[in-house]
């Protein structure tokens, strides 16, 4: 069974604009959270990741990620919305805003994503 997640980018200009992609596998903090925290730590890097569209698997570089668009020829499936709650109906949600990662589960508030969080599950 998969551990679904969504990866969300907030526009840095203070606009309430969000872009997100679905990720099918390994959404828990010790996997996807750790990869995001260690490898996608700038607006430009997260934008490059989001541009891949929905993912089957997240990896440390965009070239290594298994994107549904590249792998199966699916549409990119990038969710664009001005409402953050439109992006968070998954087991784990990861939000990059103001240069930092945050995460939540279905029933938790947004929390900072830290190396310590990525060591627990």
N, C-alpha and C. Protein backbone atom coordinates (compact mmCIF):
# COMPACT_ATOMS: atom_id res chain seq x y z
N UNK A 1 0.84 -1.18 0.00
CA UNK A 1 0.00 0.00 0.00
C UNK A 1 0.89 1.24 0.00
N UNK A 2 0.45 2.26 -0.70
CA UNK A 2 1.25 3.48 -0.83
C UNK A 2 0.98 4.45 0.32
N UNK A 3 1.93 5.35 0.51
CA UNK A 3 1.77 6.46 1.46
C UNK A 3 1.75 7.73 0.64
N UNK A 4 0.56 8.23 0.36
CA UNK A 4 0.35 9.38 -0.52
C UNK A 4 0.77 10.68 0.14
N UNK A 5 1.26 11.60 -0.67
CA UNK A 5 1.58 12.93 -0.18
C UNK A 5 1.36 13.94 -1.29
N UNK A 6 1.38 15.18 -0.90
CA UNK A 6 1.34 16.27 -1.87
C UNK A 6 2.49 17.22 -1.54
N UNK A 7 3.06 17.77 -2.58
CA UNK A 7 4.17 18.71 -2.45
C UNK A 7 3.66 20.05 -2.97
N UNK A 8 3.69 21.05 -2.10
CA UNK A 8 3.05 22.33 -2.39
C UNK A 8 4.09 23.45 -2.37
N UNK A 9 3.97 24.35 -3.32
CA UNK A 9 4.83 25.53 -3.40
C UNK A 9 3.95 26.77 -3.30
N UNK A 10 4.27 27.66 -2.36
CA UNK A 10 3.58 28.94 -2.27
C UNK A 10 4.39 29.99 -3.01
N UNK A 11 3.72 30.79 -3.81
CA UNK A 11 4.38 31.86 -4.53
C UNK A 11 5.09 32.78 -3.53
N UNK A 12 6.34 33.15 -3.76
CA UNK A 12 7.11 33.91 -2.76
C UNK A 12 6.74 35.38 -2.65
N UNK A 13 5.95 35.91 -3.54
CA UNK A 13 5.65 37.34 -3.52
C UNK A 13 4.51 37.68 -2.56
N UNK A 14 4.13 36.76 -1.69
CA UNK A 14 3.07 37.03 -0.74
C UNK A 14 1.69 36.82 -1.30
N UNK A 15 1.60 36.55 -2.60
CA UNK A 15 0.32 36.23 -3.19
C UNK A 15 -0.12 34.88 -2.63
N UNK A 16 -1.39 34.72 -2.44
CA UNK A 16 -1.89 33.44 -1.94
C UNK A 16 -2.09 32.47 -3.10
N UNK A 17 -1.04 32.22 -3.83
CA UNK A 17 -1.10 31.31 -4.97
C UNK A 17 -0.28 30.07 -4.65
N UNK A 18 -0.88 28.92 -4.83
CA UNK A 18 -0.24 27.65 -4.51
C UNK A 18 -0.24 26.74 -5.74
N UNK A 19 0.85 26.00 -5.91
CA UNK A 19 0.95 24.96 -6.94
C UNK A 19 1.35 23.68 -6.22
N UNK A 20 0.75 22.56 -6.60
CA UNK A 20 1.10 21.32 -5.94
C UNK A 20 1.07 20.15 -6.92
N UNK A 21 1.79 19.11 -6.51
CA UNK A 21 1.76 17.84 -7.24
C UNK A 21 1.56 16.71 -6.24
N UNK A 22 0.92 15.68 -6.71
CA UNK A 22 0.68 14.45 -5.95
C UNK A 22 1.92 13.58 -6.04
N UNK A 23 2.25 12.87 -4.96
CA UNK A 23 3.32 11.87 -4.99
C UNK A 23 2.77 10.58 -4.38
N UNK A 24 2.84 9.49 -5.13
CA UNK A 24 2.18 8.25 -4.75
C UNK A 24 2.91 7.46 -3.66
N UNK A 25 4.22 7.36 -3.74
CA UNK A 25 4.96 6.47 -2.83
C UNK A 25 5.75 7.22 -1.76
N UNK A 26 5.86 6.58 -0.63
CA UNK A 26 6.81 6.93 0.44
C UNK A 26 6.68 8.37 0.95
N UNK A 27 5.45 8.81 1.19
CA UNK A 27 5.19 10.18 1.58
C UNK A 27 5.56 10.55 3.01
N UNK A 28 5.94 9.59 3.82
CA UNK A 28 6.22 9.88 5.23
C UNK A 28 7.49 10.72 5.38
N UNK A 29 7.61 11.43 6.50
CA UNK A 29 8.74 12.37 6.67
C UNK A 29 10.13 11.74 6.56
N UNK A 30 10.31 10.49 6.99
CA UNK A 30 11.65 9.90 6.93
C UNK A 30 12.08 9.58 5.49
N UNK A 31 11.15 9.65 4.54
CA UNK A 31 11.54 9.46 3.14
C UNK A 31 11.35 10.75 2.35
N UNK A 32 10.09 11.05 1.95
CA UNK A 32 9.86 12.25 1.15
C UNK A 32 10.24 13.52 1.89
N UNK A 33 9.91 13.60 3.17
CA UNK A 33 10.28 14.78 3.94
C UNK A 33 11.78 15.01 3.94
N UNK A 34 12.52 13.95 4.16
CA UNK A 34 13.99 14.05 4.20
C UNK A 34 14.55 14.46 2.83
N UNK A 35 14.02 13.86 1.77
CA UNK A 35 14.49 14.22 0.43
C UNK A 35 14.21 15.69 0.13
N UNK A 36 13.00 16.14 0.46
CA UNK A 36 12.66 17.55 0.22
C UNK A 36 13.56 18.48 1.01
N UNK A 37 13.72 18.19 2.28
CA UNK A 37 14.52 19.04 3.16
C UNK A 37 15.98 19.13 2.72
N UNK A 38 16.54 18.01 2.30
CA UNK A 38 17.96 17.98 1.95
C UNK A 38 18.27 18.39 0.52
N UNK A 39 17.31 18.28 -0.40
CA UNK A 39 17.63 18.47 -1.82
C UNK A 39 16.84 19.56 -2.53
N UNK A 40 15.70 19.93 -2.00
CA UNK A 40 14.86 20.92 -2.66
C UNK A 40 14.66 22.08 -1.69
N UNK A 41 15.69 22.90 -1.54
CA UNK A 41 15.68 23.91 -0.49
C UNK A 41 15.70 25.34 -1.00
N UNK A 42 15.40 25.53 -2.28
CA UNK A 42 15.26 26.88 -2.84
C UNK A 42 13.98 26.92 -3.66
N UNK A 43 13.48 28.11 -3.86
CA UNK A 43 12.28 28.29 -4.68
C UNK A 43 12.50 27.70 -6.07
N UNK A 44 13.67 27.92 -6.64
CA UNK A 44 13.97 27.44 -7.99
C UNK A 44 13.96 25.92 -8.05
N UNK A 45 14.55 25.26 -7.06
CA UNK A 45 14.58 23.79 -7.05
C UNK A 45 13.19 23.21 -6.87
N UNK A 46 12.39 23.82 -6.00
CA UNK A 46 11.03 23.32 -5.78
C UNK A 46 10.18 23.57 -7.04
N UNK A 47 10.37 24.70 -7.69
CA UNK A 47 9.66 24.97 -8.94
C UNK A 47 9.99 23.92 -9.99
N UNK A 48 11.26 23.56 -10.10
CA UNK A 48 11.67 22.53 -11.06
C UNK A 48 10.99 21.19 -10.74
N UNK A 49 10.88 20.87 -9.47
CA UNK A 49 10.21 19.64 -9.05
C UNK A 49 8.72 19.69 -9.40
N UNK A 50 8.05 20.78 -9.08
CA UNK A 50 6.62 20.93 -9.36
C UNK A 50 6.35 20.83 -10.86
N UNK A 51 7.26 21.37 -11.67
CA UNK A 51 7.08 21.34 -13.13
C UNK A 51 7.06 19.92 -13.70
N UNK A 52 7.52 18.93 -12.94
CA UNK A 52 7.46 17.54 -13.41
C UNK A 52 6.03 17.01 -13.43
N UNK A 53 5.14 17.65 -12.66
CA UNK A 53 3.78 17.13 -12.53
C UNK A 53 3.74 16.03 -11.49
N UNK A 54 2.63 15.31 -11.45
CA UNK A 54 2.46 14.28 -10.43
C UNK A 54 3.56 13.22 -10.52
N UNK A 55 3.88 12.66 -9.34
CA UNK A 55 5.01 11.74 -9.24
C UNK A 55 4.57 10.38 -8.73
N UNK A 56 5.24 9.38 -9.20
CA UNK A 56 5.11 8.07 -8.60
C UNK A 56 6.10 7.97 -7.44
N UNK A 57 7.35 8.43 -7.69
CA UNK A 57 8.40 8.38 -6.68
C UNK A 57 9.21 9.67 -6.68
N UNK A 58 9.51 10.16 -5.49
CA UNK A 58 10.38 11.33 -5.31
C UNK A 58 11.81 10.85 -5.09
N UNK A 59 12.76 11.51 -5.76
CA UNK A 59 14.18 11.20 -5.60
C UNK A 59 14.96 12.50 -5.40
N UNK A 60 16.23 12.43 -5.04
CA UNK A 60 17.01 13.63 -4.73
C UNK A 60 17.21 14.61 -5.89
N UNK A 61 17.05 14.17 -7.12
CA UNK A 61 17.16 15.10 -8.25
C UNK A 61 15.93 14.96 -9.14
N UNK A 62 15.52 16.03 -9.79
CA UNK A 62 14.37 15.94 -10.69
C UNK A 62 14.56 14.90 -11.79
N UNK A 63 15.77 14.76 -12.29
CA UNK A 63 16.02 13.77 -13.34
C UNK A 63 15.76 12.34 -12.88
N UNK A 64 15.96 12.07 -11.60
CA UNK A 64 15.76 10.72 -11.07
C UNK A 64 14.31 10.47 -10.63
N UNK A 65 13.53 11.53 -10.44
CA UNK A 65 12.13 11.35 -10.01
C UNK A 65 11.34 10.59 -11.06
N UNK A 66 10.41 9.77 -10.61
CA UNK A 66 9.54 9.04 -11.52
C UNK A 66 8.25 9.85 -11.66
N UNK A 67 8.20 10.62 -12.72
CA UNK A 67 7.05 11.49 -13.02
C UNK A 67 6.05 10.71 -13.86
N UNK A 68 4.76 10.85 -13.55
CA UNK A 68 3.73 10.17 -14.36
C UNK A 68 3.75 10.67 -15.80
N UNK A 69 4.10 11.93 -15.99
CA UNK A 69 4.17 12.51 -17.34
C UNK A 69 5.28 11.86 -18.17
N UNK A 70 6.47 11.75 -17.58
CA UNK A 70 7.59 11.14 -18.32
C UNK A 70 7.45 9.64 -18.43
N UNK A 71 6.96 9.01 -17.37
CA UNK A 71 6.92 7.56 -17.29
C UNK A 71 5.79 6.96 -18.12
N UNK A 72 4.58 7.56 -17.98
CA UNK A 72 3.41 6.97 -18.64
C UNK A 72 2.79 7.87 -19.70
N UNK A 73 3.32 9.07 -19.87
CA UNK A 73 2.75 9.99 -20.84
C UNK A 73 1.48 10.67 -20.36
N UNK A 74 1.21 10.64 -19.05
CA UNK A 74 0.03 11.32 -18.48
C UNK A 74 0.19 12.83 -18.58
N UNK A 75 -0.93 13.55 -18.42
CA UNK A 75 -0.85 14.99 -18.27
C UNK A 75 -0.02 15.29 -17.03
N UNK A 76 0.53 16.47 -16.94
CA UNK A 76 1.39 16.81 -15.80
C UNK A 76 0.64 16.90 -14.48
N UNK A 77 -0.62 17.21 -14.48
CA UNK A 77 -1.43 17.25 -13.26
C UNK A 77 -0.82 18.12 -12.16
N UNK A 78 -0.69 19.38 -12.46
CA UNK A 78 -0.24 20.36 -11.47
C UNK A 78 -1.48 21.10 -10.97
N UNK A 79 -1.72 21.04 -9.68
CA UNK A 79 -2.89 21.67 -9.08
C UNK A 79 -2.54 23.12 -8.74
N UNK A 80 -3.29 24.07 -9.30
CA UNK A 80 -3.09 25.50 -9.03
C UNK A 80 -4.33 26.03 -8.33
N UNK A 81 -4.14 26.75 -7.24
CA UNK A 81 -5.27 27.28 -6.48
C UNK A 81 -4.80 28.39 -5.56
N UNK A 82 -5.71 29.27 -5.19
CA UNK A 82 -5.38 30.31 -4.22
C UNK A 82 -5.73 29.88 -2.80
N UNK A 83 -6.30 28.69 -2.63
CA UNK A 83 -6.72 28.19 -1.33
C UNK A 83 -5.84 27.00 -0.92
N UNK A 84 -5.07 27.15 0.12
CA UNK A 84 -4.16 26.09 0.56
C UNK A 84 -4.88 24.79 0.86
N UNK A 85 -6.08 24.85 1.40
CA UNK A 85 -6.80 23.62 1.75
C UNK A 85 -7.16 22.79 0.52
N UNK A 86 -7.09 23.36 -0.68
CA UNK A 86 -7.33 22.60 -1.91
C UNK A 86 -6.21 21.61 -2.19
N UNK A 87 -5.13 21.68 -1.44
CA UNK A 87 -3.93 20.89 -1.73
C UNK A 87 -3.58 19.89 -0.63
N UNK A 88 -4.39 19.75 0.39
CA UNK A 88 -3.93 19.02 1.58
C UNK A 88 -4.74 17.78 1.93
N UNK A 89 -5.42 17.18 1.01
CA UNK A 89 -6.25 16.01 1.30
C UNK A 89 -5.47 14.71 1.11
N UNK A 90 -4.32 14.61 1.75
CA UNK A 90 -3.45 13.45 1.61
C UNK A 90 -2.90 13.05 2.97
N UNK A 91 -2.31 11.86 3.05
CA UNK A 91 -1.74 11.41 4.32
C UNK A 91 -0.71 12.40 4.85
N UNK A 92 0.14 12.91 3.96
CA UNK A 92 1.14 13.91 4.32
C UNK A 92 1.10 15.02 3.28
N UNK A 93 1.25 16.24 3.74
CA UNK A 93 1.36 17.40 2.86
C UNK A 93 2.62 18.15 3.23
N UNK A 94 3.37 18.56 2.21
CA UNK A 94 4.60 19.32 2.40
C UNK A 94 4.46 20.66 1.70
N UNK A 95 4.73 21.74 2.41
CA UNK A 95 4.56 23.09 1.89
C UNK A 95 5.88 23.84 1.97
N UNK A 96 6.33 24.35 0.82
CA UNK A 96 7.52 25.20 0.79
C UNK A 96 7.04 26.64 0.70
N UNK A 97 7.32 27.42 1.76
CA UNK A 97 6.94 28.83 1.78
C UNK A 97 7.99 29.60 2.57
N UNK A 98 8.25 30.79 2.11
CA UNK A 98 9.21 31.68 2.77
C UNK A 98 10.56 30.99 2.97
N UNK A 99 10.97 30.17 2.01
CA UNK A 99 12.29 29.55 2.04
C UNK A 99 12.43 28.38 2.99
N UNK A 100 11.32 27.83 3.49
CA UNK A 100 11.40 26.72 4.44
C UNK A 100 10.27 25.72 4.19
N UNK A 101 10.53 24.48 4.58
CA UNK A 101 9.54 23.41 4.45
C UNK A 101 8.70 23.30 5.72
N UNK A 102 7.42 23.01 5.53
CA UNK A 102 6.47 22.73 6.60
C UNK A 102 5.73 21.46 6.20
N UNK A 103 5.15 20.76 7.17
CA UNK A 103 4.40 19.56 6.82
C UNK A 103 3.20 19.41 7.74
N UNK A 104 2.27 18.57 7.32
CA UNK A 104 1.11 18.24 8.13
C UNK A 104 0.58 16.88 7.71
N UNK A 105 -0.17 16.27 8.60
CA UNK A 105 -0.94 15.08 8.27
C UNK A 105 -2.39 15.52 8.12
N UNK A 106 -3.29 14.57 7.83
CA UNK A 106 -4.70 14.93 7.67
C UNK A 106 -5.23 15.74 8.84
N UNK A 107 -4.86 15.33 10.05
CA UNK A 107 -5.50 15.92 11.23
C UNK A 107 -4.56 16.75 12.10
N UNK A 108 -3.46 17.22 11.54
CA UNK A 108 -2.52 18.02 12.35
C UNK A 108 -2.41 19.43 11.78
N UNK A 109 -1.92 20.36 12.58
CA UNK A 109 -1.62 21.70 12.06
C UNK A 109 -0.32 21.66 11.27
N UNK A 110 -0.01 22.73 10.58
CA UNK A 110 1.27 22.85 9.89
C UNK A 110 2.38 22.97 10.92
N UNK A 111 3.45 22.21 10.71
CA UNK A 111 4.62 22.22 11.59
C UNK A 111 5.88 22.39 10.75
N UNK A 112 6.93 22.97 11.31
CA UNK A 112 8.20 23.06 10.57
C UNK A 112 8.74 21.65 10.29
N UNK A 113 9.24 21.46 9.08
CA UNK A 113 9.89 20.19 8.73
C UNK A 113 11.37 20.35 9.08
N UNK A 114 11.85 19.54 10.01
CA UNK A 114 13.24 19.61 10.46
C UNK A 114 13.89 18.25 10.30
N UNK A 115 15.21 18.23 10.43
CA UNK A 115 15.95 16.96 10.36
C UNK A 115 15.47 16.00 11.45
N UNK A 116 15.13 16.53 12.62
CA UNK A 116 14.66 15.68 13.73
C UNK A 116 13.31 15.03 13.37
N UNK A 117 12.43 15.78 12.75
CA UNK A 117 11.14 15.23 12.33
C UNK A 117 11.36 14.12 11.31
N UNK A 118 12.32 14.29 10.42
CA UNK A 118 12.59 13.31 9.37
C UNK A 118 13.21 12.02 9.92
N UNK A 119 13.67 12.03 11.15
CA UNK A 119 14.22 10.81 11.74
C UNK A 119 13.14 9.97 12.42
N UNK A 120 11.95 10.52 12.60
CA UNK A 120 10.86 9.83 13.27
C UNK A 120 9.80 9.45 12.25
N UNK A 121 8.99 8.48 12.60
CA UNK A 121 7.79 8.15 11.79
C UNK A 121 6.79 7.54 12.71
